Amino acid sequence: ADAVGAKVQFEDGVTETEYLGWLRKAFALVSASKDEGFGIPLVEAMSQGLPVIVSDIPIFQEVAGNA
């Protein structure tokens, strides 16, 4: 990550306002989940126009299709 200037930051809980601020500043949403109940972060990221890079699991296929 350092070689390409990438930054990853882990937070231990944020407010909704802080979360939306992080989404607006993000380059993309990356999720390597093997299982999800619904995939709300995927929907939230897509609503902000973020590209999403996600694992090929049924719920992500249902929510995002071929997006």
C-alpha atoms as a PDB file:
ATOM      1  CA  ALA A   1       0.000   0.000   0.000  1.00  0.00           C
ATOM      2  CA  ASP A   2       2.815   2.409   0.831  1.00  0.00           C
ATOM      3  CA  ALA A   3       4.436   1.864  -2.563  1.00  0.00           C
ATOM      4  CA  VAL A   4       1.403   3.269  -4.378  1.00  0.00           C
ATOM      5  CA  GLY A   5       0.452   5.808  -1.729  1.00  0.00           C
ATOM      6  CA  ALA A   6      -2.668   3.915  -0.674  1.00  0.00           C
ATOM      7  CA  LYS A   7      -4.156   4.640   2.713  1.00  0.00           C
ATOM      8  CA  VAL A   8      -6.268   2.297   4.781  1.00  0.00           C
ATOM      9  CA  GLN A   9      -7.781   3.463   8.038  1.00  0.00           C
ATOM     10  CA  PHE A  10      -9.706   1.332  10.503  1.00  0.00           C
ATOM     11  CA  GLU A  11     -12.279   3.003  12.746  1.00  0.00           C
ATOM     12  CA  ASP A  12     -13.950   1.585  15.826  1.00  0.00           C
ATOM     13  CA  GLY A  13     -17.395   3.011  15.181  1.00  0.00           C
ATOM     14  CA  VAL A  14     -18.411   6.301  13.573  1.00  0.00           C
ATOM     15  CA  THR A  15     -21.534   8.450  13.431  1.00  0.00           C
ATOM     16  CA  GLU A  16     -23.729   8.377  10.331  1.00  0.00           C
ATOM     17  CA  THR A  17     -22.404  11.808   9.348  1.00  0.00           C
ATOM     18  CA  GLU A  18     -18.796  10.652   9.712  1.00  0.00           C
ATOM     19  CA  TYR A  19     -19.567   7.485   7.738  1.00  0.00           C
ATOM     20  CA  LEU A  20     -21.072   9.438   4.844  1.00  0.00           C
ATOM     21  CA  GLY A  21     -18.058  11.759   4.924  1.00  0.00           C
ATOM     22  CA  TRP A  22     -15.722   8.764   4.605  1.00  0.00           C
ATOM     23  CA  LEU A  23     -17.789   7.426   1.698  1.00  0.00           C
ATOM     24  CA  ARG A  24     -17.608  10.772  -0.105  1.00  0.00           C
ATOM     25  CA  LYS A  25     -13.810  10.805   0.207  1.00  0.00           C
ATOM     26  CA  ALA A  26     -13.317   7.141  -0.716  1.00  0.00           C
ATOM     27  CA  PHE A  27     -11.864   5.950  -4.008  1.00  0.00           C
ATOM     28  CA  ALA A  28     -13.879   2.694  -3.984  1.00  0.00           C
ATOM     29  CA  LEU A  29     -15.584   0.181  -1.715  1.00  0.00           C
ATOM     30  CA  VAL A  30     -13.770  -3.143  -1.439  1.00  0.00           C
ATOM     31  CA  SER A  31     -15.445  -6.114   0.231  1.00  0.00           C
ATOM     32  CA  ALA A  32     -14.060  -9.641   0.221  1.00  0.00           C
ATOM     33  CA  SER A  33     -16.934 -11.057   2.271  1.00  0.00           C
ATOM     34  CA  LYS A  34     -17.756 -14.735   1.974  1.00  0.00           C
ATOM     35  CA  ASP A  35     -21.251 -14.144   3.393  1.00  0.00           C
ATOM     36  CA  GLU A  36     -23.481 -11.099   3.919  1.00  0.00           C
ATOM     37  CA  GLY A  37     -27.005 -10.673   5.187  1.00  0.00           C
ATOM     38  CA  PHE A  38     -27.898  -7.940   2.713  1.00  0.00           C
ATOM     39  CA  GLY A  39     -24.873  -5.855   1.787  1.00  0.00           C
ATOM     40  CA  ILE A  40     -25.991  -2.426   2.981  1.00  0.00           C
ATOM     41  CA  PRO A  41     -22.477  -0.919   2.615  1.00  0.00           C
ATOM     42  CA  LEU A  42     -22.606  -1.907  -1.062  1.00  0.00           C
ATOM     43  CA  VAL A  43     -25.882  -0.019  -1.552  1.00  0.00           C
ATOM     44  CA  GLU A  44     -24.575   2.983   0.396  1.00  0.00           C
ATOM     45  CA  ALA A  45     -21.374   3.131  -1.658  1.00  0.00           C
ATOM     46  CA  MET A  46     -23.249   2.820  -4.936  1.00  0.00           C
ATOM     47  CA  SER A  47     -25.624   5.606  -3.836  1.00  0.00           C
ATOM     48  CA  GLN A  48     -22.577   7.883  -3.544  1.00  0.00           C
ATOM     49  CA  GLY A  49     -21.352   6.895  -7.011  1.00  0.00           C
ATOM     50  CA  LEU A  50     -18.407   4.861  -5.730  1.00  0.00           C
ATOM     51  CA  PRO A  51     -17.047   1.981  -7.754  1.00  0.00           C
ATOM     52  CA  VAL A  52     -17.423  -1.286  -5.873  1.00  0.00           C
ATOM     53  CA  ILE A  53     -15.021  -4.214  -5.868  1.00  0.00           C
ATOM     54  CA  VAL A  54     -16.749  -7.119  -4.185  1.00  0.00           C
ATOM     55  CA  SER A  55     -16.595 -10.876  -3.907  1.00  0.00           C
ATOM     56  CA  ASP A  56     -18.829 -12.966  -6.144  1.00  0.00           C
ATOM     57  CA  ILE A  57     -21.457 -13.991  -3.596  1.00  0.00           C
ATOM     58  CA  PRO A  58     -25.213 -14.319  -4.186  1.00  0.00           C
ATOM     59  CA  ILE A  59     -26.326 -11.255  -2.202  1.00  0.00           C
ATOM     60  CA  PHE A  60     -23.882  -8.958  -3.994  1.00  0.00           C
ATOM     61  CA  GLN A  61     -25.059 -10.398  -7.329  1.00  0.00           C
ATOM     62  CA  GLU A  62     -28.663  -9.721  -6.288  1.00  0.00           C
ATOM     63  CA  VAL A  63     -27.997  -6.187  -5.057  1.00  0.00           C
ATOM     64  CA  ALA A  64     -25.557  -4.980  -7.722  1.00  0.00           C
ATOM     65  CA  GLY A  65     -26.158  -7.265 -10.676  1.00  0.00           C
ATOM     66  CA  ASN A  66     -23.434  -6.605 -13.236  1.00  0.00           C
ATOM     67  CA  ALA A  67     -22.810  -3.030 -12.033  1.00  0.00           C
END
